[in-house]
Protein backbone atom coordinates (compact mmCIF):
# COMPACT_ATOMS: atom_id res chain seq x y z
CA UNK A 1 70.54 106.34 116.21
CA UNK A 2 72.13 104.70 112.91
CA UNK A 3 71.22 101.01 112.79
CA UNK A 4 72.03 98.63 110.01
CA UNK A 5 70.06 94.80 109.85
CA UNK A 6 70.93 92.61 107.43
CA UNK A 7 69.31 88.98 106.34
CA UNK A 8 69.55 86.71 103.32
CA UNK A 9 72.92 84.52 104.48
CA UNK A 10 72.37 80.69 103.91
CA UNK A 11 74.09 77.59 103.02
CA UNK A 12 73.63 77.49 99.55
CA UNK A 13 75.98 74.76 96.90
CA UNK A 14 77.96 76.31 94.10
CA UNK A 15 76.64 77.58 91.78
CA UNK A 16 73.61 78.87 93.46
CA UNK A 17 71.97 82.34 94.20
CA UNK A 18 71.36 84.24 97.07
CA UNK A 19 70.03 88.17 97.78
CA UNK A 20 71.44 89.76 101.09
CA UNK A 21 69.21 92.90 102.39
CA UNK A 22 70.12 95.62 104.46
CA UNK A 23 67.65 97.92 106.08
CA UNK A 24 68.78 101.07 107.36
CA UNK A 25 66.90 103.10 110.04
CA UNK A 26 67.47 106.33 111.63
CA UNK A 27 68.91 108.28 109.15
CA UNK A 28 68.67 110.18 105.84
CA UNK A 29 69.12 107.47 103.79
CA UNK A 30 69.35 108.70 100.19
CA UNK A 31 72.52 110.88 101.18
CA UNK A 32 74.65 108.00 102.09
CA UNK A 33 76.97 105.52 99.92
CA UNK A 34 76.89 102.34 100.84
CA UNK A 35 78.78 99.21 100.47
CA UNK A 36 79.05 95.42 101.30
CA UNK A 37 81.70 94.10 103.04
CA UNK A 38 82.84 90.28 103.80
CA UNK A 39 85.26 88.47 105.69
CA UNK A 40 86.58 85.20 105.19
CA UNK A 41 87.95 82.96 108.57
CA UNK A 42 92.00 83.74 108.69
CA UNK A 43 91.37 87.39 106.06
CA UNK A 44 91.21 90.46 106.25
CA UNK A 45 87.42 92.57 105.95
CA UNK A 46 87.40 93.55 101.76
CA UNK A 47 84.97 95.51 99.94
CA UNK A 48 82.40 93.37 97.65
CA UNK A 49 80.61 96.15 96.49
CA UNK A 50 79.78 99.56 96.59
CA UNK A 51 76.85 101.62 95.60
CA UNK A 52 76.91 106.01 95.57
CA UNK A 53 74.02 108.10 97.02
CA UNK A 54 73.64 108.64 93.03
CA UNK A 55 73.20 104.62 91.99
CA UNK A 56 76.60 104.43 90.72
CA UNK A 57 78.59 101.24 91.58
CA UNK A 58 81.97 99.39 91.56
CA UNK A 59 82.88 95.81 92.85
CA UNK A 60 85.53 93.93 93.64
CA UNK A 61 87.04 91.92 90.86
CA UNK A 62 86.37 88.63 91.94
CA UNK A 63 82.53 89.28 92.04
CA UNK A 64 82.17 91.44 88.92
CA UNK A 65 79.59 89.93 86.36
CA UNK A 66 78.30 87.38 89.71
CA UNK A 67 77.23 89.97 91.90
CA UNK A 68 74.81 93.13 91.73
CA UNK A 69 74.15 96.01 94.64
CA UNK A 70 71.35 98.05 94.47
CA UNK A 71 69.88 100.42 96.59
CA UNK A 72 65.96 101.58 97.34
CA UNK A 73 65.51 104.88 98.83
CA UNK A 74 62.41 104.51 99.72
CA UNK A 75 62.58 101.38 101.25
CA UNK A 76 65.82 102.58 102.94
CA UNK A 77 67.54 99.53 102.18
CA UNK A 78 70.17 98.03 100.02
CA UNK A 79 70.87 94.62 98.28
CA UNK A 80 73.09 92.22 97.10
CA UNK A 81 72.22 90.05 94.65
CA UNK A 82 74.43 87.00 94.51
CA UNK A 83 74.42 84.60 91.65
CA UNK A 84 77.24 81.70 90.12
CA UNK A 85 78.08 81.12 94.34
CA UNK A 86 81.45 79.61 94.40
CA UNK A 87 83.10 78.22 97.46
CA UNK A 88 85.52 80.92 97.80
CA UNK A 89 82.52 83.35 98.31
CA UNK A 90 82.00 81.73 101.36
CA UNK A 91 82.46 84.40 104.38
CA UNK A 92 80.46 86.84 106.78
CA UNK A 93 79.03 89.78 104.73
CA UNK A 94 78.35 93.03 106.38
CA UNK A 95 76.13 96.16 105.32
CA UNK A 96 78.79 99.38 105.75
CA UNK A 97 77.25 103.08 105.55
CA UNK A 98 80.09 105.66 104.83
CA UNK A 99 79.54 107.58 107.73
CA UNK A 100 81.47 104.79 109.23
CA UNK A 101 78.19 102.08 110.16
CA UNK A 102 78.64 98.63 110.40
CA UNK A 103 75.61 95.77 110.13
CA UNK A 104 76.29 92.98 112.41
CA UNK A 105 77.13 90.55 109.64
CA UNK A 106 75.34 87.45 107.80
CA UNK A 107 77.17 84.55 107.35
CA UNK A 108 76.68 82.82 103.59
CA UNK A 109 78.69 79.38 103.46
CA UNK A 110 79.05 78.18 99.57
CA UNK A 111 79.14 74.11 100.25
CA UNK A 112 78.39 71.10 98.47
């Protein structure tokens, strides 16, 4: 059974940085496209960043230039480096395996 476990969320001031991690188990990780999504209170879940099995990436316009998605197939892990954080980045962040598997989410709060 495939499981995704996120970590690295927390409280940070505007302009600060956080690095989210997603550890995958029980799968042939390197074959799967992966993504980070987020959901703010009262809003729909939205794609933040995507990385293909070959390493190509895509970003939401609101985070382009500030966030970086990466993967380490040897460690079965995906990361989201978030810099220059804004209050509007506050949300629960979810790791997603494009075979249809979600992680449990990690809270990111940007506040002074």
